């Protein structure tokens, strides 16, 4: 699944770049949406965000593409791993120049 987000002035830090907390919030939101679409009627909470690596800054006005990828071990279209009570998603984010911003 792909999602898009426009970076606005209220998302910027004191250096004029995207605040990392905003990006982490969007990752959490889009993973939640993906989980609810994949498993309707279930309840989800975030337990952890792991292996987050910021590769470069993001400026005001950038359009970010959030890509939820499937691992080759998955049984369904969009989830990476499913347990009895958990689901794990892999989210990559690119900007419009196709530079990877974050790898999670």
Protein backbone atom coordinates (compact mmCIF):
# COMPACT_ATOMS: atom_id res chain seq x y z
CA UNK A 1 0.00 0.00 0.00
CA UNK A 2 1.18 3.50 -0.74
CA UNK A 3 0.24 6.68 1.12
CA UNK A 4 1.26 10.29 0.50
CA UNK A 5 1.83 13.23 2.83
CA UNK A 6 2.54 16.91 2.09
CA UNK A 7 5.09 18.52 4.42
CA UNK A 8 3.67 21.82 5.73
CA UNK A 9 5.22 24.58 7.89
CA UNK A 10 3.64 23.15 11.06
CA UNK A 11 5.64 19.94 10.51
CA UNK A 12 9.04 21.70 10.55
CA UNK A 13 11.60 21.91 13.34
CA UNK A 14 13.62 24.98 14.36
CA UNK A 15 16.12 24.27 11.53
CA UNK A 16 13.38 24.42 8.89
CA UNK A 17 13.40 20.68 8.20
CA UNK A 18 10.73 18.08 8.87
CA UNK A 19 10.51 17.30 12.58
CA UNK A 20 11.39 13.63 13.11
CA UNK A 21 8.49 13.18 15.50
CA UNK A 22 6.04 14.12 12.75
CA UNK A 23 7.51 11.49 10.46
CA UNK A 24 7.32 8.83 13.18
CA UNK A 25 3.69 9.77 13.85
CA UNK A 26 2.83 9.33 10.16
CA UNK A 27 4.56 5.94 10.04
CA UNK A 28 2.48 4.84 13.01
CA UNK A 29 -0.75 6.17 11.47
CA UNK A 30 -0.20 4.56 8.07
CA UNK A 31 0.79 1.21 9.60
CA UNK A 32 -2.39 1.36 11.70
CA UNK A 33 -4.48 2.08 8.59
CA UNK A 34 -2.83 -0.79 6.72
CA UNK A 35 -3.47 -3.18 9.61
CA UNK A 36 -7.12 -2.17 9.85
CA UNK A 37 -7.65 -2.59 6.12
CA UNK A 38 -5.89 -5.95 6.12
CA UNK A 39 -7.60 -7.26 9.27
CA UNK A 40 -10.96 -5.45 9.62
CA UNK A 41 -12.74 -5.71 12.93
CA UNK A 42 -9.56 -6.21 14.98
CA UNK A 43 -8.01 -3.81 17.48
CA UNK A 44 -4.39 -2.68 17.17
CA UNK A 45 -1.84 -0.78 19.24
CA UNK A 46 1.76 0.07 18.44
CA UNK A 47 4.27 -1.83 20.54
CA UNK A 48 7.50 -0.63 18.93
CA UNK A 49 9.12 1.17 16.04
CA UNK A 50 12.40 -0.51 15.22
CA UNK A 51 15.39 0.20 13.02
CA UNK A 52 14.41 3.76 12.13
CA UNK A 53 17.18 5.46 10.15
CA UNK A 54 16.78 9.05 8.91
CA UNK A 55 18.83 9.38 5.71
CA UNK A 56 18.44 13.10 4.92
CA UNK A 57 16.39 16.15 5.81
CA UNK A 58 13.02 16.98 4.28
CA UNK A 59 11.98 20.52 3.35
CA UNK A 60 8.68 22.36 3.45
CA UNK A 61 6.48 21.51 0.46
CA UNK A 62 7.95 18.06 -0.15
CA UNK A 63 5.53 15.27 -0.98
CA UNK A 64 6.48 12.06 0.80
CA UNK A 65 5.50 8.61 -0.39
CA UNK A 66 5.05 6.02 2.37
CA UNK A 67 5.48 2.51 0.99
CA UNK A 68 4.31 -0.48 3.02
CA UNK A 69 6.22 -3.46 1.70
CA UNK A 70 5.54 -7.15 1.89
CA UNK A 71 8.31 -9.51 2.93
CA UNK A 72 8.67 -12.61 0.77
CA UNK A 73 7.63 -14.73 3.76
CA UNK A 74 4.22 -13.11 4.08
CA UNK A 75 1.06 -15.02 3.30
CA UNK A 76 -1.13 -11.99 2.58
CA UNK A 77 -0.52 -9.05 0.29
CA UNK A 78 0.77 -6.33 2.59
CA UNK A 79 1.91 -7.61 5.99
CA UNK A 80 5.45 -8.61 6.82
CA UNK A 81 4.78 -11.02 9.66
CA UNK A 82 1.66 -12.14 11.48
CA UNK A 83 1.62 -13.77 14.90
CA UNK A 84 -1.25 -14.88 17.10
CA UNK A 85 -1.68 -11.36 18.39
CA UNK A 86 0.66 -9.19 16.32
CA UNK A 87 1.35 -7.86 12.85
CA UNK A 88 4.62 -6.30 11.67
CA UNK A 89 4.90 -3.89 8.73
CA UNK A 90 7.95 -2.62 6.87
CA UNK A 91 7.59 1.05 5.88
CA UNK A 92 9.89 2.90 3.49
CA UNK A 93 9.54 6.59 2.71
CA UNK A 94 10.70 8.31 -0.47
CA UNK A 95 10.51 11.93 -1.55
CA UNK A 96 9.51 13.05 -5.04
CA UNK A 97 13.15 12.89 -6.15
CA UNK A 98 12.98 9.17 -5.29
CA UNK A 99 15.55 9.55 -2.54
CA UNK A 100 14.92 7.23 0.35
CA UNK A 101 14.26 9.24 3.49
CA UNK A 102 13.77 6.51 5.99
CA UNK A 103 14.12 2.78 6.07
CA UNK A 104 12.17 0.97 8.75
